[in-house]
């Protein structure tokens, strides 16, 4: 009986969200947020550049 209560308390103590899905270094926490922000910044930069190129092509094709 005592062993069961000890194992239950140990499970409660180690039941963090970080430990539940954390596999390797760099796959969670601050590094994951930093990588996502880096990808978001590059995505926005590529989208702006692509829009400018497409807009320029349309402008040049539409000139009389």
PDB file of N, CA and C in Angstrom:
ATOM      1  N   UNK A   1       0.818  -1.188   0.000  1.00  0.00           N
ATOM      2  CA  UNK A   1       0.000   0.000   0.000  1.00  0.00           C
ATOM      3  C   UNK A   1       0.866   1.257   0.000  1.00  0.00           C
ATOM      4  N   UNK A   2       1.917   1.235   0.816  1.00  0.00           N
ATOM      5  CA  UNK A   2       2.800   2.388   0.899  1.00  0.00           C
ATOM      6  C   UNK A   2       3.540   2.615  -0.423  1.00  0.00           C
ATOM      7  N   UNK A   3       3.895   1.548  -1.110  1.00  0.00           N
ATOM      8  CA  UNK A   3       4.603   1.663  -2.392  1.00  0.00           C
ATOM      9  C   UNK A   3       3.711   2.299  -3.448  1.00  0.00           C
ATOM     10  N   UNK A   4       2.413   2.001  -3.423  1.00  0.00           N
ATOM     11  CA  UNK A   4       1.501   2.601  -4.393  1.00  0.00           C
ATOM     12  C   UNK A   4       1.375   4.101  -4.178  1.00  0.00           C
ATOM     13  N   UNK A   5       1.240   4.531  -2.938  1.00  0.00           N
ATOM     14  CA  UNK A   5       1.099   5.965  -2.679  1.00  0.00           C
ATOM     15  C   UNK A   5       2.385   6.701  -3.018  1.00  0.00           C
ATOM     16  N   UNK A   6       3.532   6.079  -2.813  1.00  0.00           N
ATOM     17  CA  UNK A   6       4.805   6.711  -3.165  1.00  0.00           C
ATOM     18  C   UNK A   6       4.932   6.856  -4.677  1.00  0.00           C
ATOM     19  N   UNK A   7       4.520   5.831  -5.414  1.00  0.00           N
ATOM     20  CA  UNK A   7       4.622   5.930  -6.870  1.00  0.00           C
ATOM     21  C   UNK A   7       3.630   6.952  -7.417  1.00  0.00           C
ATOM     22  N   UNK A   8       2.444   7.054  -6.797  1.00  0.00           N
ATOM     23  CA  UNK A   8       1.481   8.064  -7.240  1.00  0.00           C
ATOM     24  C   UNK A   8       2.000   9.471  -6.995  1.00  0.00           C
ATOM     25  N   UNK A   9       2.599   9.716  -5.838  1.00  0.00           N
ATOM     26  CA  UNK A   9       3.110  11.048  -5.552  1.00  0.00           C
ATOM     27  C   UNK A   9       4.279  11.383  -6.477  1.00  0.00           C
ATOM     28  N   UNK A  10       5.085  10.394  -6.835  1.00  0.00           N
ATOM     29  CA  UNK A  10       6.189  10.613  -7.747  1.00  0.00           C
ATOM     30  C   UNK A  10       5.649  10.990  -9.129  1.00  0.00           C
ATOM     31  N   UNK A  11       4.559  10.345  -9.559  1.00  0.00           N
ATOM     32  CA  UNK A  11       3.967  10.664 -10.856  1.00  0.00           C
ATOM     33  C   UNK A  11       3.422  12.089 -10.857  1.00  0.00           C
ATOM     34  N   UNK A  12       2.777  12.495  -9.790  1.00  0.00           N
ATOM     35  CA  UNK A  12       2.246  13.851  -9.711  1.00  0.00           C
ATOM     36  C   UNK A  12       3.363  14.879  -9.750  1.00  0.00           C
ATOM     37  N   UNK A  13       4.461  14.576  -9.091  1.00  0.00           N
ATOM     38  CA  UNK A  13       5.556  15.531  -9.000  1.00  0.00           C
ATOM     39  C   UNK A  13       6.213  15.744 -10.367  1.00  0.00           C
ATOM     40  N   UNK A  14       6.254  14.726 -11.205  1.00  0.00           N
ATOM     41  CA  UNK A  14       6.932  14.828 -12.497  1.00  0.00           C
ATOM     42  C   UNK A  14       5.966  15.024 -13.663  1.00  0.00           C
ATOM     43  N   UNK A  15       4.767  15.449 -13.413  1.00  0.00           N
ATOM     44  CA  UNK A  15       3.769  15.587 -14.474  1.00  0.00           C
ATOM     45  C   UNK A  15       3.721  17.031 -14.962  1.00  0.00           C
ATOM     46  N   UNK A  16       4.827  17.534 -15.501  1.00  0.00           N
ATOM     47  CA  UNK A  16       4.865  18.875 -16.070  1.00  0.00           C
ATOM     48  C   UNK A  16       4.510  18.810 -17.552  1.00  0.00           C
ATOM     49  N   UNK A  17       4.033  19.928 -18.103  1.00  0.00           N
ATOM     50  CA  UNK A  17       3.764  19.965 -19.540  1.00  0.00           C
ATOM     51  C   UNK A  17       5.063  19.846 -20.328  1.00  0.00           C
ATOM     52  N   UNK A  18       6.134  20.485 -19.834  1.00  0.00           N
ATOM     53  CA  UNK A  18       7.409  20.427 -20.539  1.00  0.00           C
ATOM     54  C   UNK A  18       7.931  18.986 -20.615  1.00  0.00           C
ATOM     55  N   UNK A  19       7.832  18.232 -19.547  1.00  0.00           N
ATOM     56  CA  UNK A  19       8.369  16.886 -19.531  1.00  0.00           C
ATOM     57  C   UNK A  19       7.493  15.896 -20.295  1.00  0.00           C
ATOM     58  N   UNK A  20       6.247  16.238 -20.473  1.00  0.00           N
ATOM     59  CA  UNK A  20       5.325  15.292 -21.110  1.00  0.00           C
ATOM     60  C   UNK A  20       5.657  15.090 -22.580  1.00  0.00           C
ATOM     61  N   UNK A  21       5.969  16.174 -23.309  1.00  0.00           N
ATOM     62  CA  UNK A  21       6.203  16.028 -24.741  1.00  0.00           C
ATOM     63  C   UNK A  21       7.624  16.391 -25.160  1.00  0.00           C
ATOM     64  N   UNK A  22       8.495  16.667 -24.228  1.00  0.00           N
ATOM     65  CA  UNK A  22       9.875  17.048 -24.538  1.00  0.00           C
ATOM     66  C   UNK A  22      10.688  15.807 -24.888  1.00  0.00           C
ATOM     67  N   UNK A  23      11.319  15.796 -26.054  1.00  0.00           N
ATOM     68  CA  UNK A  23      12.080  14.630 -26.493  1.00  0.00           C
ATOM     69  C   UNK A  23      13.582  14.893 -26.513  1.00  0.00           C
ATOM     70  N   UNK A  24      14.015  15.869 -27.252  1.00  0.00           N
ATOM     71  CA  UNK A  24      15.428  16.171 -27.413  1.00  0.00           C
ATOM     72  C   UNK A  24      15.657  17.652 -27.170  1.00  0.00           C
ATOM     73  N   UNK A  25      16.876  18.071 -26.878  1.00  0.00           N
ATOM     74  CA  UNK A  25      17.157  19.502 -26.730  1.00  0.00           C
ATOM     75  C   UNK A  25      16.824  20.246 -28.018  1.00  0.00           C
ATOM     76  N   UNK A  26      16.198  21.383 -27.878  1.00  0.00           N
ATOM     77  CA  UNK A  26      15.837  22.188 -29.044  1.00  0.00           C
ATOM     78  C   UNK A  26      14.449  21.921 -29.578  1.00  0.00           C
ATOM     79  N   UNK A  27      13.701  21.014 -28.975  1.00  0.00           N
ATOM     80  CA  UNK A  27      12.365  20.705 -29.474  1.00  0.00           C
ATOM     81  C   UNK A  27      11.268  21.298 -28.612  1.00  0.00           C
ATOM     82  N   UNK A  28      11.586  22.137 -27.685  1.00  0.00           N
ATOM     83  CA  UNK A  28      10.554  22.709 -26.846  1.00  0.00           C
ATOM     84  C   UNK A  28      11.073  23.927 -26.120  1.00  0.00           C
ATOM     85  N   UNK A  29      10.172  24.676 -25.526  1.00  0.00           N
ATOM     86  CA  UNK A  29      10.547  25.823 -24.722  1.00  0.00           C
ATOM     87  C   UNK A  29      10.996  27.005 -25.551  1.00  0.00           C
ATOM     88  N   UNK A  30      11.995  27.719 -25.046  1.00  0.00           N
ATOM     89  CA  UNK A  30      12.449  28.959 -25.675  1.00  0.00           C
ATOM     90  C   UNK A  30      13.049  28.725 -27.052  1.00  0.00           C
ATOM     91  N   UNK A  31      13.755  27.630 -27.240  1.00  0.00           N
ATOM     92  CA  UNK A  31      14.374  27.374 -28.542  1.00  0.00           C
ATOM     93  C   UNK A  31      13.313  27.136 -29.618  1.00  0.00           C
ATOM     94  N   UNK A  32      12.225  26.484 -29.245  1.00  0.00           N
ATOM     95  CA  UNK A  32      11.143  26.266 -30.210  1.00  0.00           C
ATOM     96  C   UNK A  32      10.496  27.591 -30.591  1.00  0.00           C
ATOM     97  N   UNK A  33      10.233  28.450 -29.616  1.00  0.00           N
ATOM     98  CA  UNK A  33       9.647  29.765 -29.919  1.00  0.00           C
ATOM     99  C   UNK A  33      10.598  30.602 -30.762  1.00  0.00           C
ATOM    100  N   UNK A  34      11.893  30.546 -30.459  1.00  0.00           N
ATOM    101  CA  UNK A  34      12.880  31.306 -31.232  1.00  0.00           C
ATOM    102  C   UNK A  34      12.915  30.814 -32.674  1.00  0.00           C
ATOM    103  N   UNK A  35      12.886  29.499 -32.873  1.00  0.00           N
ATOM    104  CA  UNK A  35      12.899  28.939 -34.233  1.00  0.00           C
ATOM    105  C   UNK A  35      11.622  29.312 -34.979  1.00  0.00           C
ATOM    106  N   UNK A  36      10.473  29.291 -34.298  1.00  0.00           N
ATOM    107  CA  UNK A  36       9.216  29.663 -34.951  1.00  0.00           C
ATOM    108  C   UNK A  36       9.213  31.133 -35.351  1.00  0.00           C
ATOM    109  N   UNK A  37       9.756  32.004 -34.481  1.00  0.00           N
ATOM    110  CA  UNK A  37       9.826  33.429 -34.823  1.00  0.00           C
ATOM    111  C   UNK A  37      10.784  33.653 -35.994  1.00  0.00           C
ATOM    112  N   UNK A  38      11.864  32.903 -36.041  1.00  0.00           N
ATOM    113  CA  UNK A  38      12.812  33.007 -37.147  1.00  0.00           C
ATOM    114  C   UNK A  38      12.141  32.598 -38.460  1.00  0.00           C
ATOM    115  N   UNK A  39      11.410  31.500 -38.443  1.00  0.00           N
ATOM    116  CA  UNK A  39      10.697  31.050 -39.644  1.00  0.00           C
ATOM    117  C   UNK A  39       9.614  32.040 -40.055  1.00  0.00           C
ATOM    118  N   UNK A  40       8.920  32.621 -39.090  1.00  0.00           N
ATOM    119  CA  UNK A  40       7.892  33.611 -39.395  1.00  0.00           C
ATOM    120  C   UNK A  40       8.505  34.841 -40.060  1.00  0.00           C
ATOM    121  N   UNK A  41       9.638  35.305 -39.534  1.00  0.00           N
ATOM    122  CA  UNK A  41      10.301  36.479 -40.109  1.00  0.00           C
ATOM    123  C   UNK A  41      10.733  36.206 -41.550  1.00  0.00           C
ATOM    124  N   UNK A  42      11.320  35.030 -41.794  1.00  0.00           N
ATOM    125  CA  UNK A  42      11.726  34.693 -43.155  1.00  0.00           C
ATOM    126  C   UNK A  42      10.524  34.530 -44.086  1.00  0.00           C
ATOM    127  N   UNK A  43       9.449  33.985 -43.580  1.00  0.00           N
ATOM    128  CA  UNK A  43       8.238  33.817 -44.396  1.00  0.00           C
ATOM    129  C   UNK A  43       7.670  35.158 -44.817  1.00  0.00           C
ATOM    130  N   UNK A  44       7.629  36.101 -43.879  1.00  0.00           N
ATOM    131  CA  UNK A  44       7.118  37.446 -44.201  1.00  0.00           C
ATOM    132  C   UNK A  44       8.033  38.125 -45.203  1.00  0.00           C
ATOM    133  N   UNK A  45       9.352  37.997 -45.025  1.00  0.00           N
ATOM    134  CA  UNK A  45      10.300  38.622 -45.952  1.00  0.00           C
ATOM    135  C   UNK A  45      10.145  38.053 -47.358  1.00  0.00           C
ATOM    136  N   UNK A  46      10.007  36.750 -47.480  1.00  0.00           N
ATOM    137  CA  UNK A  46       9.842  36.122 -48.801  1.00  0.00           C
ATOM    138  C   UNK A  46       8.512  36.536 -49.423  1.00  0.00           C
ATOM    139  N   UNK A  47       7.464  36.636 -48.619  1.00  0.00           N
ATOM    140  CA  UNK A  47       6.157  37.037 -49.136  1.00  0.00           C
ATOM    141  C   UNK A  47       6.194  38.474 -49.659  1.00  0.00           C
ATOM    142  N   UNK A  48       6.855  39.368 -48.938  1.00  0.00           N
ATOM    143  CA  UNK A  48       6.964  40.764 -49.382  1.00  0.00           C
ATOM    144  C   UNK A  48       7.769  40.845 -50.672  1.00  0.00           C
ATOM    145  N   UNK A  49       8.863  40.115 -50.735  1.00  0.00           N
ATOM    146  CA  UNK A  49       9.691  40.119 -51.945  1.00  0.00           C
ATOM    147  C   UNK A  49       8.933  39.548 -53.140  1.00  0.00           C
ATOM    148  N   UNK A  50       8.233  38.450 -52.944  1.00  0.00           N
ATOM    149  CA  UNK A  50       7.466  37.848 -54.040  1.00  0.00           C
ATOM    150  C   UNK A  50       6.350  38.787 -54.499  1.00  0.00           C
ATOM    151  N   UNK A  51       5.694  39.451 -53.570  1.00  0.00           N
ATOM    152  CA  UNK A  51       4.636  40.399 -53.940  1.00  0.00           C
ATOM    153  C   UNK A  51       5.197  41.565 -54.744  1.00  0.00           C
ATOM    154  N   UNK A  52       6.373  42.054 -54.346  1.00  0.00           N
ATOM    155  CA  UNK A  52       6.993  43.153 -55.077  1.00  0.00           C
ATOM    156  C   UNK A  52       7.366  42.729 -56.492  1.00  0.00           C
ATOM    157  N   UNK A  53       7.913  41.536 -56.639  1.00  0.00           N
ATOM    158  CA  UNK A  53       8.289  41.047 -57.970  1.00  0.00           C
ATOM    159  C   UNK A  53       7.054  40.864 -58.845  1.00  0.00           C
ATOM    160  N   UNK A  54       6.023  40.236 -58.321  1.00  0.00           N
ATOM    161  CA  UNK A  54       4.794  40.016 -59.098  1.00  0.00           C
ATOM    162  C   UNK A  54       4.133  41.355 -59.428  1.00  0.00           C
ATOM    163  N   UNK A  55       4.102  42.264 -58.458  1.00  0.00           N
ATOM    164  CA  UNK A  55       3.536  43.593 -58.714  1.00  0.00           C
ATOM    165  C   UNK A  55       4.316  44.337 -59.779  1.00  0.00           C
ATOM    166  N   UNK A  56       5.647  44.238 -59.742  1.00  0.00           N
ATOM    167  CA  UNK A  56       6.467  44.894 -60.760  1.00  0.00           C
ATOM    168  C   UNK A  56       6.227  44.319 -62.146  1.00  0.00           C
ATOM    169  N   UNK A  57       6.105  43.004 -62.224  1.00  0.00           N
ATOM    170  CA  UNK A  57       5.841  42.366 -63.521  1.00  0.00           C
ATOM    171  C   UNK A  57       4.479  42.804 -64.054  1.00  0.00           C
ATOM    172  N   UNK A  58       3.474  42.816 -63.217  1.00  0.00           N
ATOM    173  CA  UNK A  58       2.136  43.245 -63.653  1.00  0.00           C
ATOM    174  C   UNK A  58       2.170  44.707 -64.082  1.00  0.00           C
ATOM    175  N   UNK A  59       2.894  45.537 -63.348  1.00  0.00           N
ATOM    176  CA  UNK A  59       3.000  46.960 -63.704  1.00  0.00           C
ATOM    177  C   UNK A  59       3.661  47.133 -65.065  1.00  0.00           C
ATOM    178  N   UNK A  60       4.755  46.412 -65.294  1.00  0.00           N
ATOM    179  CA  UNK A  60       5.459  46.536 -66.572  1.00  0.00           C
ATOM    180  C   UNK A  60       4.624  46.006 -67.731  1.00  0.00           C
ATOM    181  N   UNK A  61       3.854  44.933 -67.491  1.00  0.00           N
ATOM    182  CA  UNK A  61       3.014  44.386 -68.566  1.00  0.00           C
ATOM    183  C   UNK A  61       1.813  45.279 -68.866  1.00  0.00           C
ATOM    184  N   UNK A  62       1.371  46.047 -67.904  1.00  0.00           N
ATOM    185  CA  UNK A  62       0.166  46.867 -68.069  1.00  0.00           C
ATOM    186  C   UNK A  62       0.473  48.261 -68.601  1.00  0.00           C
ATOM    187  N   UNK A  63       1.747  48.659 -68.649  1.00  0.00           N
ATOM    188  CA  UNK A  63       2.092  49.994 -69.145  1.00  0.00           C
ATOM    189  C   UNK A  63       1.742  50.118 -70.628  1.00  0.00           C
ATOM    190  N   UNK A  64       1.207  51.250 -71.027  1.00  0.00           N
ATOM    191  CA  UNK A  64       0.857  51.428 -72.452  1.00  0.00           C
ATOM    192  C   UNK A  64       2.055  51.647 -73.339  1.00  0.00           C
TER     193      UNK A  64
END
